[in-house]
Amino acid sequence: MSGVGRFDWRTIAVVVIVAVAVLIGMIAISDGRAEQDPPAEPTTKPTVVQLDLAVWGSDAEIAAFQAVVDDYNVSSKDTNVSVSSWPDAGSMLEDIRSGAAHPDLYLLPRSELAETIAEKRNRPLLDLLEEREIPIGDDFSRDAVAAFSVNDDLQCMPYTTSPMVIYYNTDLVDFEKMEEEGLPTPDPEHTGWDLAEFRAAAEFASRPRQGTRGVHIDPTLDGLAPFILSGGGKLFDDEAAPTSLALSEDDSADALRQTLEVLRDARLTLSSKQLQRRPALEWFKRGRVAMIAGFRELTPELRRTKGLDFDVMPMPTLGSSHTIGEVNGICLTGGKPQRVRSSADFLTYLVSEEAVARVSQTGYLQPSNLKVALSPAFLQPDQAPEHSMVFNNAVRTVVLPPIMEEGAELEALVAPDIEALLTAPVFGDLKDLLTAIDDKSRTLLDPDYEPEESDADSGAPSSDASSPGASTSGASTSGGSTSEPSPFEPSPSGSATDDRKRD
């Protein structure tokens, strides 16, 4: 009995020891295999970032933007871009302000830059562009980059820069015939002309028997700005932080006096009666006014006008070459880092030569990209205007206004007074009127301004003086006298009634 008990005890101990050893070995082997062969993770598709590009413009422009986006989407594996479009910048910005639209990238007029920065609706770009090695200094003019540079950073990417130029009807303004008649004419290369040559062209094209007038310039602050700047004047008292307009300063007032002697001449300009019937652009397309001011976006519309032959000249000079411009940029909104990176990657393609050339071919946009602006994609030598290099040359003369939020409000405030300068039948001393306009602007731009009682007594021309029934005067603005009211537009037969029926 005792011998059997000892065998059982020892046997059991050995079995237990062996079992424990085997278990430890199995655990070790299992851990080793686990380290060598981790469990396979389930496969998932990469996340695709959905971006929205907001733009405005004509059907042709929108179609070009869509084509650019489609090409990018084909090549991109992790980003898909869609296009949201509006007919104009105002309606697009209204939806962005209200929250109805939430684009990742959007086309922005420079005039809206101050509000955009103040409301933090854009993301500065310098660090993103440096990471992607976009050659801003090589492919874009210094002025275009400066236009969107605020607080030592590039707030939006310059995209278009279109200077104001003069479009003219080559059948009505024939420089060769003018030269044969001994009239002053600009150089054949269309590099520039002075106010005397501009007036000579307007007089040459004004033919009462044919019912044509020489020129129309919109009676607005923008319309007069190139003449003021060219004459050595300035629009604002301070280019960085303006507190008023500066129209009454000596150089500005003198430039305006010379300009108004042309633009208030009833023999050369469209009458109020004509402008009531249809806009100046329609008169130009009908061959009834020879010259109007405009930007590049006007070109395709004029090309579609049957029977219209036109070309372009720079704005006339009163001493130096200066004009204003329409400048637009592409802005990025903020967001999560991955979304911002994807937006910046797409921006890199959007401002590339290939993509910009595709949009420029529509004829509406003048690109800020210098290489494209000098290429056939923009110059389009087989189409009017013949001297399309005028647009590129004029870019160098663009003077940009200060970046301020009150720009649109300021124009609306002084609009009746500016219009009266060109259309009121008679007014007093020009310097006093310009001083009154400057003072009026201070009520908006200068928060510390308190108008004196005497300011109200010297008020600028009232909007009543520029009512639709008012006629344009041909008198010099400095004399205070007036000429006969503007006559009706004669028809070839000499009958005003027949003229109205035909039009």
Protein backbone atom coordinates (compact mmCIF):
# COMPACT_ATOMS: atom_id res chain seq x y z
CA MET A 1 0.00 0.00 0.00
CA SER A 2 2.72 2.47 1.02
CA GLY A 3 4.79 1.72 -2.15
CA VAL A 4 1.83 2.39 -4.45
CA GLY A 5 1.12 5.71 -2.66
CA ARG A 6 4.71 6.96 -3.26
CA PHE A 7 4.50 6.11 -7.00
CA ASP A 8 1.24 7.94 -7.42
CA TRP A 9 2.55 11.09 -5.73
CA ARG A 10 5.72 11.28 -7.79
CA THR A 11 3.92 10.46 -10.98
CA ILE A 12 1.41 13.22 -10.42
CA ALA A 13 4.17 15.77 -9.72
CA VAL A 14 6.01 14.89 -12.91
CA VAL A 15 2.84 15.16 -14.96
CA VAL A 16 2.09 18.58 -13.48
CA ILE A 17 5.61 19.84 -14.19
CA VAL A 18 5.52 18.61 -17.78
CA ALA A 19 2.07 20.13 -18.35
CA VAL A 20 3.20 23.50 -17.05
CA ALA A 21 6.31 23.42 -19.26
CA VAL A 22 4.28 22.53 -22.32
CA LEU A 23 1.83 25.34 -21.59
CA ILE A 24 4.60 27.91 -21.20
CA GLY A 25 6.16 26.75 -24.46
CA MET A 26 2.90 27.03 -26.31
CA ILE A 27 2.39 30.54 -25.01
CA ALA A 28 5.88 31.57 -26.11
CA ILE A 29 5.38 30.10 -29.57
CA SER A 30 2.04 31.83 -29.84
CA ASP A 31 3.55 35.21 -28.89
CA GLY A 32 6.32 34.81 -31.43
CA ARG A 33 3.92 34.07 -34.23
CA ALA A 34 1.80 37.04 -33.18
CA GLU A 35 4.84 39.30 -33.51
CA GLN A 36 5.70 37.89 -36.93
CA ASP A 37 2.20 37.83 -38.42
CA PRO A 38 0.02 40.73 -37.21
CA PRO A 39 -3.64 40.40 -38.06
CA ALA A 40 -4.55 41.98 -41.41
CA GLU A 41 -6.49 45.26 -41.18
CA PRO A 42 -9.61 45.60 -43.30
CA THR A 43 -8.94 47.55 -46.55
CA THR A 44 -10.70 50.96 -46.96
CA LYS A 45 -10.82 53.46 -49.86
CA PRO A 46 -8.84 56.74 -49.39
CA THR A 47 -10.93 59.72 -48.31
CA VAL A 48 -11.78 62.11 -51.17
CA VAL A 49 -11.94 65.80 -50.20
CA GLN A 50 -14.88 67.62 -51.80
CA LEU A 51 -14.10 71.27 -52.66
CA ASP A 52 -16.26 74.05 -54.08
CA LEU A 53 -15.00 76.86 -56.35
CA ALA A 54 -17.25 79.95 -56.49
CA VAL A 55 -17.01 82.16 -59.57
CA TRP A 56 -19.13 84.59 -61.55
CA GLY A 57 -19.24 85.66 -65.18
CA SER A 58 -20.69 84.93 -68.58
CA ASP A 59 -21.75 81.47 -69.73
CA ALA A 60 -18.50 81.17 -71.69
CA GLU A 61 -16.39 82.00 -68.64
CA ILE A 62 -18.27 79.57 -66.41
CA ALA A 63 -17.88 76.84 -69.03
CA ALA A 64 -14.12 77.51 -69.14
CA PHE A 65 -13.83 77.28 -65.36
CA GLN A 66 -15.79 74.03 -65.45
CA ALA A 67 -13.44 72.61 -68.08
CA VAL A 68 -10.43 73.49 -65.92
CA VAL A 69 -12.05 71.81 -62.92
CA ASP A 70 -12.94 68.71 -64.94
CA ASP A 71 -9.34 68.30 -66.05
CA TYR A 72 -8.12 68.60 -62.47
CA ASN A 73 -10.63 66.07 -61.17
CA VAL A 74 -9.49 63.51 -63.73
CA SER A 75 -5.89 63.79 -62.56
CA SER A 76 -6.56 64.00 -58.81
CA LYS A 77 -7.00 60.85 -56.71
CA ASP A 78 -7.93 62.49 -53.41
CA THR A 79 -9.79 65.69 -54.36
CA ASN A 80 -12.98 66.42 -56.27
CA VAL A 81 -13.82 70.04 -57.11
CA SER A 82 -17.24 71.39 -58.09
CA VAL A 83 -18.10 74.81 -59.55
CA SER A 84 -20.77 77.15 -58.18
CA SER A 85 -21.51 80.15 -60.38
CA TRP A 86 -23.34 83.49 -60.31
CA PRO A 87 -23.98 86.10 -63.02
CA ASP A 88 -22.06 88.79 -61.12
CA ALA A 89 -19.80 89.31 -58.12
CA GLY A 90 -22.48 91.11 -56.09
CA SER A 91 -24.91 88.19 -56.06
CA MET A 92 -22.15 85.73 -55.22
CA LEU A 93 -20.89 87.82 -52.30
CA GLU A 94 -24.42 88.28 -51.01
CA ASP A 95 -24.80 84.50 -50.75
CA ILE A 96 -21.41 84.13 -49.09
CA ARG A 97 -22.24 86.82 -46.53
CA SER A 98 -25.61 85.27 -45.72
CA GLY A 99 -24.18 81.78 -45.38
CA ALA A 100 -26.11 80.46 -48.39
CA ALA A 101 -22.79 79.61 -50.06
CA HIS A 102 -19.72 78.05 -48.41
CA PRO A 103 -16.99 77.88 -51.06
CA ASP A 104 -13.46 76.69 -50.38
CA LEU A 105 -12.07 78.98 -53.09
CA TYR A 106 -13.73 82.00 -54.68
CA LEU A 107 -13.10 84.81 -57.14
CA LEU A 108 -13.02 88.18 -55.38
CA PRO A 109 -12.92 91.78 -56.67
CA ARG A 110 -10.16 93.73 -54.96
CA SER A 111 -12.74 96.35 -53.98
CA GLU A 112 -14.17 93.78 -51.55
CA LEU A 113 -10.83 92.83 -50.01
CA ALA A 114 -11.07 95.08 -46.94
CA GLU A 115 -14.41 93.64 -45.84
CA THR A 116 -13.24 90.09 -46.61
CA ILE A 117 -10.20 90.48 -44.34
CA ALA A 118 -12.20 92.20 -41.61
CA GLU A 119 -14.77 89.39 -41.58
CA LYS A 120 -12.02 86.73 -41.72
CA ARG A 121 -13.43 85.12 -44.83
CA ASN A 122 -10.02 84.37 -46.34
CA ARG A 123 -6.87 82.50 -45.39
CA PRO A 124 -3.49 84.22 -46.12
CA LEU A 125 -1.45 82.39 -48.72
CA LEU A 126 2.29 83.04 -48.53
CA ASP A 127 3.21 79.94 -46.54
CA LEU A 128 1.03 77.72 -48.73
CA LEU A 129 2.51 79.13 -51.93
CA GLU A 130 6.07 78.76 -50.67
CA GLU A 131 5.44 75.11 -49.84
CA ARG A 132 4.24 74.54 -53.42
CA GLU A 133 6.99 76.70 -54.98
CA ILE A 134 4.57 78.86 -56.98
CA PRO A 135 6.80 81.47 -58.73
CA ILE A 136 4.88 84.61 -57.80
CA GLY A 137 7.77 86.96 -58.47
CA ASP A 138 8.42 85.56 -61.96
CA ASP A 139 4.93 84.97 -63.36
CA PHE A 140 3.05 87.90 -61.83
CA SER A 141 3.79 91.61 -61.87
CA ARG A 142 4.84 93.27 -58.65
CA ASP A 143 1.79 95.52 -58.83
CA ALA A 144 -0.59 92.56 -59.12
CA VAL A 145 0.93 90.93 -56.06
CA ALA A 146 0.93 94.22 -54.15
CA ALA A 147 -2.76 94.69 -54.94
CA PHE A 148 -3.65 91.76 -52.67
CA SER A 149 -0.88 92.14 -50.11
CA VAL A 150 -2.03 93.31 -46.68
CA ASN A 151 -0.46 92.86 -43.23
CA ASP A 152 2.77 91.51 -44.74
CA ASP A 153 1.00 88.59 -46.39
CA LEU A 154 -0.68 87.75 -49.68
CA GLN A 155 -4.38 87.66 -48.85
CA CYS A 156 -5.60 86.33 -52.23
CA MET A 157 -3.89 85.15 -55.41
CA PRO A 158 -3.95 87.76 -58.21
CA TYR A 159 -5.94 86.38 -61.14
CA THR A 160 -7.09 89.17 -63.47
CA THR A 161 -5.92 92.76 -64.04
CA SER A 162 -7.91 94.76 -66.60
CA PRO A 163 -7.14 98.47 -67.16
CA MET A 164 -9.71 101.00 -68.36
CA VAL A 165 -9.04 101.86 -72.02
CA ILE A 166 -10.82 103.68 -74.83
CA TYR A 167 -12.77 101.55 -77.32
CA TYR A 168 -13.29 103.40 -80.61
CA ASN A 169 -15.21 102.80 -83.82
CA THR A 170 -12.62 102.66 -86.61
CA ASP A 171 -15.16 103.82 -89.21
CA LEU A 172 -15.89 107.01 -87.28
CA VAL A 173 -12.38 107.66 -85.96
CA ASP A 174 -10.04 107.26 -88.93
CA PHE A 175 -6.57 108.37 -87.88
CA GLU A 176 -5.18 108.22 -91.41
CA LYS A 177 -7.83 110.61 -92.73
CA MET A 178 -7.33 112.86 -89.72
CA GLU A 179 -3.62 113.04 -90.45
CA GLU A 180 -4.32 113.87 -94.10
CA GLU A 181 -6.46 116.77 -92.91
CA GLY A 182 -3.65 118.03 -90.69
CA LEU A 183 -5.38 117.09 -87.44
CA PRO A 184 -3.38 115.94 -84.40
CA THR A 185 -3.22 112.14 -84.25
CA PRO A 186 -1.58 109.57 -81.96
CA ASP A 187 1.37 107.43 -82.98
CA PRO A 188 0.55 104.45 -85.24
CA GLU A 189 1.49 101.93 -82.54
CA HIS A 190 -1.30 103.18 -80.25
CA THR A 191 1.10 103.62 -77.34
CA GLY A 192 -0.65 106.79 -76.17
CA TRP A 193 -2.31 110.11 -76.99
CA ASP A 194 -2.92 113.41 -75.27
CA LEU A 195 -6.12 115.29 -74.55
CA ALA A 196 -5.78 117.45 -77.67
CA GLU A 197 -5.55 114.36 -79.91
CA PHE A 198 -8.47 112.80 -78.03
CA ARG A 199 -10.59 115.91 -78.57
CA ALA A 200 -9.62 116.05 -82.26
CA ALA A 201 -10.84 112.47 -82.67
CA ALA A 202 -14.12 113.30 -80.92
CA GLU A 203 -14.65 116.35 -83.14
CA PHE A 204 -13.78 114.37 -86.29
CA ALA A 205 -16.33 111.67 -85.41
CA SER A 206 -19.13 114.10 -84.46
CA ARG A 207 -21.18 114.48 -87.64
CA PRO A 208 -24.55 116.18 -87.11
CA ARG A 209 -25.90 115.21 -90.50
CA GLN A 210 -25.25 111.54 -89.71
CA GLY A 211 -26.38 111.77 -86.11
CA THR A 212 -23.06 110.68 -84.57
CA ARG A 213 -21.32 111.95 -81.46
CA GLY A 214 -17.66 111.72 -80.62
CA VAL A 215 -17.39 110.39 -77.08
CA HIS A 216 -19.14 109.25 -73.94
CA ILE A 217 -17.49 108.90 -70.53
CA ASP A 218 -19.66 107.71 -67.66
CA PRO A 219 -20.35 110.61 -65.25
CA THR A 220 -18.95 108.73 -62.26
CA LEU A 221 -15.92 108.93 -59.99
CA ASP A 222 -14.38 105.96 -61.83
CA GLY A 223 -15.12 107.57 -65.19
CA LEU A 224 -13.25 110.77 -64.29
CA ALA A 225 -10.47 109.11 -62.28
CA PRO A 226 -8.05 108.41 -65.19
CA PHE A 227 -8.20 112.05 -66.29
CA ILE A 228 -7.59 113.33 -62.75
CA LEU A 229 -4.68 110.96 -62.16
CA SER A 230 -3.15 111.66 -65.57
CA GLY A 231 -3.23 115.39 -64.89
CA GLY A 232 -1.12 114.98 -61.76
CA GLY A 233 -4.07 114.99 -59.39
CA LYS A 234 -5.18 112.40 -56.90
CA LEU A 235 -8.48 110.95 -55.77
CA PHE A 236 -7.85 110.74 -52.01
CA ASP A 237 -6.05 112.85 -49.46
CA ASP A 238 -4.12 109.80 -48.22
CA GLU A 239 -3.42 106.61 -50.16
CA ALA A 240 -3.13 104.44 -47.04
CA ALA A 241 -5.85 105.79 -44.73
CA PRO A 242 -8.00 108.31 -46.63
CA THR A 243 -10.25 110.71 -44.77
CA SER A 244 -11.70 112.46 -47.84
CA LEU A 245 -11.58 112.81 -51.60
CA ALA A 246 -9.01 115.27 -52.94
CA LEU A 247 -10.79 116.61 -56.01
CA SER A 248 -10.41 120.25 -54.97
CA GLU A 249 -6.62 120.14 -54.67
CA ASP A 250 -4.96 122.31 -57.32
CA ASP A 251 -3.69 119.56 -59.65
CA SER A 252 -6.92 117.59 -59.41
CA ALA A 253 -9.10 120.65 -60.05
CA ASP A 254 -6.96 121.74 -63.00
CA ALA A 255 -7.12 118.28 -64.57
CA LEU A 256 -10.90 118.24 -64.16
CA ARG A 257 -11.24 121.70 -65.67
CA GLN A 258 -9.42 120.59 -68.82
CA THR A 259 -11.37 117.34 -69.00
CA LEU A 260 -14.79 118.92 -68.55
CA GLU A 261 -14.10 121.34 -71.39
CA VAL A 262 -14.27 118.26 -73.62
CA LEU A 263 -16.83 116.11 -71.84
CA ARG A 264 -19.32 118.98 -71.36
CA ASP A 265 -19.22 119.97 -75.02
CA ALA A 266 -22.74 119.25 -76.28
CA ARG A 267 -21.50 118.92 -79.85
CA LEU A 268 -19.29 115.95 -78.95
CA THR A 269 -21.21 113.98 -76.35
CA LEU A 270 -24.45 112.06 -76.05
CA SER A 271 -27.35 114.12 -74.77
CA SER A 272 -29.42 113.30 -71.69
CA LYS A 273 -32.30 112.56 -74.04
CA GLN A 274 -30.24 109.96 -75.90
CA LEU A 275 -29.03 108.33 -72.69
CA GLN A 276 -32.63 108.09 -71.47
CA ARG A 277 -33.51 106.10 -74.54
CA ARG A 278 -30.65 103.60 -74.33
CA PRO A 279 -27.25 103.17 -72.61
CA ALA A 280 -24.07 104.54 -74.14
CA LEU A 281 -22.87 101.03 -74.99
CA GLU A 282 -25.92 100.50 -77.19
CA TRP A 283 -25.24 103.79 -79.01
CA PHE A 284 -21.66 102.62 -79.55
CA LYS A 285 -22.77 99.25 -80.93
CA ARG A 286 -25.17 101.08 -83.30
CA GLY A 287 -22.33 103.24 -84.60
CA ARG A 288 -23.79 106.46 -83.17
CA VAL A 289 -21.08 107.31 -80.65
CA ALA A 290 -17.44 106.90 -81.64
CA MET A 291 -15.60 106.36 -78.33
CA ILE A 292 -16.41 104.89 -74.94
CA ALA A 293 -14.29 103.80 -71.98
CA GLY A 294 -14.32 100.18 -70.87
CA PHE A 295 -12.46 97.12 -69.64
CA ARG A 296 -11.43 93.85 -71.32
CA GLU A 297 -14.75 92.15 -70.48
CA LEU A 298 -16.41 94.33 -73.13
CA THR A 299 -14.43 92.78 -76.02
CA PRO A 300 -16.48 89.61 -76.70
CA GLU A 301 -19.75 91.54 -76.75
CA LEU A 302 -18.39 93.98 -79.32
CA ARG A 303 -17.02 91.13 -81.41
CA ARG A 304 -20.54 89.71 -81.64
CA THR A 305 -21.95 93.01 -82.93
CA LYS A 306 -22.48 92.73 -86.68
CA GLY A 307 -21.05 95.56 -88.76
CA LEU A 308 -18.99 97.04 -85.91
CA ASP A 309 -15.28 97.55 -86.51
CA PHE A 310 -13.43 98.64 -83.40
CA ASP A 311 -10.00 99.00 -81.86
CA VAL A 312 -8.59 100.24 -78.56
CA MET A 313 -6.43 103.12 -77.35
CA PRO A 314 -5.06 103.90 -73.89
CA MET A 315 -6.88 106.52 -71.86
CA PRO A 316 -5.80 110.00 -73.01
CA THR A 317 -3.11 111.76 -71.01
CA LEU A 318 -2.95 115.19 -69.46
CA GLY A 319 0.73 114.93 -68.65
CA SER A 320 1.37 111.32 -67.63
CA SER A 321 -0.13 107.93 -68.40
CA HIS A 322 -2.48 106.73 -65.68
CA THR A 323 -5.69 104.77 -65.57
CA ILE A 324 -7.75 102.64 -63.20
CA GLY A 325 -8.30 98.89 -63.34
CA GLU A 326 -10.57 96.02 -62.44
CA VAL A 327 -8.50 93.58 -60.37
CA ASN A 328 -9.71 90.18 -59.16
CA GLY A 329 -8.06 87.47 -57.08
CA ILE A 330 -8.67 83.89 -55.96
CA CYS A 331 -9.15 83.58 -52.20
CA LEU A 332 -9.09 80.53 -49.93
CA THR A 333 -11.36 80.16 -46.94
CA GLY A 334 -10.17 78.66 -43.67
CA GLY A 335 -10.89 75.15 -42.43
CA LYS A 336 -9.26 71.95 -41.29
CA PRO A 337 -5.60 71.52 -42.31
CA GLN A 338 -6.31 68.76 -44.84
CA ARG A 339 -9.02 70.82 -46.51
CA VAL A 340 -6.78 73.88 -46.70
CA ARG A 341 -3.95 71.78 -48.18
CA SER A 342 -6.28 70.34 -50.81
CA SER A 343 -7.54 73.83 -51.66
CA ALA A 344 -3.98 75.10 -52.01
CA ASP A 345 -3.09 72.17 -54.27
CA PHE A 346 -6.02 72.99 -56.54
CA LEU A 347 -5.12 76.71 -56.48
CA THR A 348 -1.68 75.76 -57.78
CA TYR A 349 -3.31 74.26 -60.85
CA LEU A 350 -5.96 76.98 -61.19
CA VAL A 351 -3.31 79.72 -61.61
CA SER A 352 -1.04 77.65 -63.83
CA GLU A 353 -0.35 78.79 -67.39
CA GLU A 354 -2.39 75.94 -68.84
CA ALA A 355 -5.50 76.65 -66.76
CA VAL A 356 -5.33 80.46 -67.03
CA ALA A 357 -4.86 80.27 -70.80
CA ARG A 358 -7.99 78.17 -71.10
CA VAL A 359 -10.12 80.78 -69.33
CA SER A 360 -8.40 83.68 -71.12
CA GLN A 361 -9.35 82.24 -74.50
CA THR A 362 -12.97 83.26 -73.84
CA GLY A 363 -11.84 86.86 -74.44
CA TYR A 364 -13.40 88.26 -71.26
CA LEU A 365 -10.51 88.05 -68.80
CA GLN A 366 -7.15 89.76 -68.83
CA PRO A 367 -4.86 87.47 -66.83
CA SER A 368 -2.47 88.66 -64.14
CA ASN A 369 -0.19 85.81 -65.22
CA LEU A 370 2.34 87.67 -67.37
CA LYS A 371 3.24 84.76 -69.64
CA VAL A 372 -0.39 84.13 -70.55
CA ALA A 373 -1.09 87.85 -71.01
CA LEU A 374 1.66 87.97 -73.66
CA SER A 375 0.55 84.76 -75.36
CA PRO A 376 -1.89 84.23 -78.26
CA ALA A 377 -4.39 82.85 -75.75
CA PHE A 378 -5.01 86.43 -74.61
CA LEU A 379 -3.79 88.62 -77.48
CA GLN A 380 -5.84 86.66 -80.06
CA PRO A 381 -4.20 88.38 -83.05
CA ASP A 382 -6.78 87.04 -85.51
CA GLN A 383 -9.62 88.91 -83.79
CA ALA A 384 -10.45 92.51 -82.91
CA PRO A 385 -9.07 94.66 -81.44
CA GLU A 386 -6.04 94.89 -83.69
CA HIS A 387 -3.92 96.62 -81.04
CA SER A 388 -4.63 94.27 -78.14
CA MET A 389 -1.19 94.99 -76.67
CA VAL A 390 -2.75 98.25 -75.48
CA PHE A 391 -4.30 96.25 -72.63
CA ASN A 392 -0.93 94.89 -71.50
CA ASN A 393 0.81 98.25 -71.82
CA ALA A 394 -1.93 99.98 -69.86
CA VAL A 395 -1.58 97.55 -66.95
CA ARG A 396 1.65 99.31 -66.00
CA THR A 397 -0.24 102.59 -65.62
CA VAL A 398 -3.02 101.34 -63.34
CA VAL A 399 -3.39 103.28 -60.09
CA LEU A 400 -5.24 101.28 -57.44
CA PRO A 401 -7.40 102.98 -54.81
CA PRO A 402 -6.79 102.47 -51.10
CA ILE A 403 -8.12 99.23 -49.62
CA MET A 404 -11.18 100.35 -47.69
CA GLU A 405 -14.59 99.02 -46.78
CA GLU A 406 -16.49 102.21 -47.69
CA GLY A 407 -15.68 102.22 -51.42
CA ALA A 408 -19.14 101.38 -52.76
CA GLU A 409 -20.84 103.59 -50.20
CA LEU A 410 -18.57 106.51 -51.10
CA GLU A 411 -19.37 106.25 -54.81
CA ALA A 412 -23.08 106.21 -54.07
CA LEU A 413 -22.75 109.21 -51.75
CA VAL A 414 -21.06 111.50 -54.29
CA ALA A 415 -22.66 110.06 -57.45
CA PRO A 416 -25.26 112.85 -57.92
CA ASP A 417 -22.60 115.55 -57.50
CA ILE A 418 -20.15 113.90 -59.93
CA GLU A 419 -22.92 113.41 -62.48
CA ALA A 420 -23.90 117.06 -62.18
CA LEU A 421 -20.35 118.11 -63.06
CA LEU A 422 -20.85 116.61 -66.51
CA THR A 423 -24.55 117.16 -67.10
CA ALA A 424 -25.82 120.23 -65.19
CA PRO A 425 -26.69 123.04 -67.64
CA VAL A 426 -24.86 125.61 -65.52
CA PHE A 427 -23.02 125.76 -62.21
CA GLY A 428 -20.80 128.13 -60.29
CA ASP A 429 -17.10 128.10 -59.52
CA LEU A 430 -15.61 124.64 -60.12
CA LYS A 431 -13.17 124.80 -57.20
CA ASP A 432 -16.00 125.55 -54.76
CA LEU A 433 -18.05 122.65 -56.09
CA LEU A 434 -15.16 120.25 -55.80
CA THR A 435 -14.48 121.42 -52.25
CA ALA A 436 -18.09 120.67 -51.38
CA ILE A 437 -17.75 117.14 -52.80
CA ASP A 438 -14.57 116.58 -50.79
CA ASP A 439 -16.29 117.77 -47.63
CA LYS A 440 -19.21 115.49 -48.30
CA SER A 441 -16.88 112.52 -48.59
CA ARG A 442 -15.37 113.34 -45.20
CA THR A 443 -18.72 112.74 -43.53
CA LEU A 444 -18.25 109.10 -44.47
CA LEU A 445 -14.49 108.58 -44.37
CA ASP A 446 -13.49 110.71 -41.38
CA PRO A 447 -15.18 109.67 -38.14
CA ASP A 448 -13.84 112.78 -36.37
CA TYR A 449 -15.14 115.24 -38.97
CA GLU A 450 -17.72 117.80 -37.87
CA PRO A 451 -18.96 119.90 -40.80
CA GLU A 452 -19.10 123.65 -40.29
CA GLU A 453 -22.29 125.54 -40.92
CA SER A 454 -20.73 127.32 -43.89
CA ASP A 455 -20.14 123.99 -45.62
CA ALA A 456 -23.83 123.56 -46.27
CA ASP A 457 -23.99 126.95 -48.00
CA SER A 458 -21.43 126.00 -50.67
CA GLY A 459 -22.99 122.68 -51.56
CA ALA A 460 -22.07 120.84 -54.75
CA PRO A 461 -24.41 120.69 -57.74
CA SER A 462 -27.63 119.08 -56.64
CA SER A 463 -29.03 115.97 -58.23
CA ASP A 464 -31.93 118.14 -59.50
CA ALA A 465 -29.50 119.88 -61.84
CA SER A 466 -28.58 116.56 -63.41
CA SER A 467 -32.12 115.29 -63.80
CA PRO A 468 -33.05 113.46 -67.00
CA GLY A 469 -34.37 116.72 -68.49
CA ALA A 470 -31.11 118.59 -68.04
CA SER A 471 -28.96 119.25 -71.10
CA THR A 472 -25.20 119.06 -71.46
CA SER A 473 -23.40 122.37 -71.70
CA GLY A 474 -20.59 123.12 -74.08
CA ALA A 475 -19.22 125.96 -71.96
CA SER A 476 -15.96 125.92 -70.09
CA THR A 477 -16.60 125.00 -66.49
CA SER A 478 -14.44 127.80 -65.18
CA GLY A 479 -16.53 130.61 -66.60
CA GLY A 480 -19.91 129.75 -65.16
CA SER A 481 -21.72 130.60 -68.43
CA THR A 482 -23.74 128.19 -70.49
CA SER A 483 -24.28 127.43 -74.14
CA GLU A 484 -27.47 126.49 -75.93
CA PRO A 485 -29.17 123.29 -74.72
CA SER A 486 -28.08 120.08 -76.40
CA PRO A 487 -30.02 119.61 -79.67
CA PHE A 488 -31.89 116.45 -80.62
CA GLU A 489 -29.94 113.77 -82.41
CA PRO A 490 -30.34 114.46 -86.17
CA SER A 491 -31.08 111.70 -88.61
CA PRO A 492 -29.54 111.52 -92.08
CA SER A 493 -32.77 113.00 -93.40
CA GLY A 494 -32.67 115.80 -90.86
CA SER A 495 -35.87 114.67 -89.16
CA ALA A 496 -35.80 114.04 -85.43
CA THR A 497 -39.10 112.19 -85.64
CA ASP A 498 -37.77 109.82 -88.28
CA ASP A 499 -34.64 109.28 -86.15
CA ARG A 500 -36.66 108.21 -83.12
CA LYS A 501 -38.76 105.80 -85.17
CA ARG A 502 -35.70 104.21 -86.74
CA ASP A 503 -34.00 103.63 -83.38
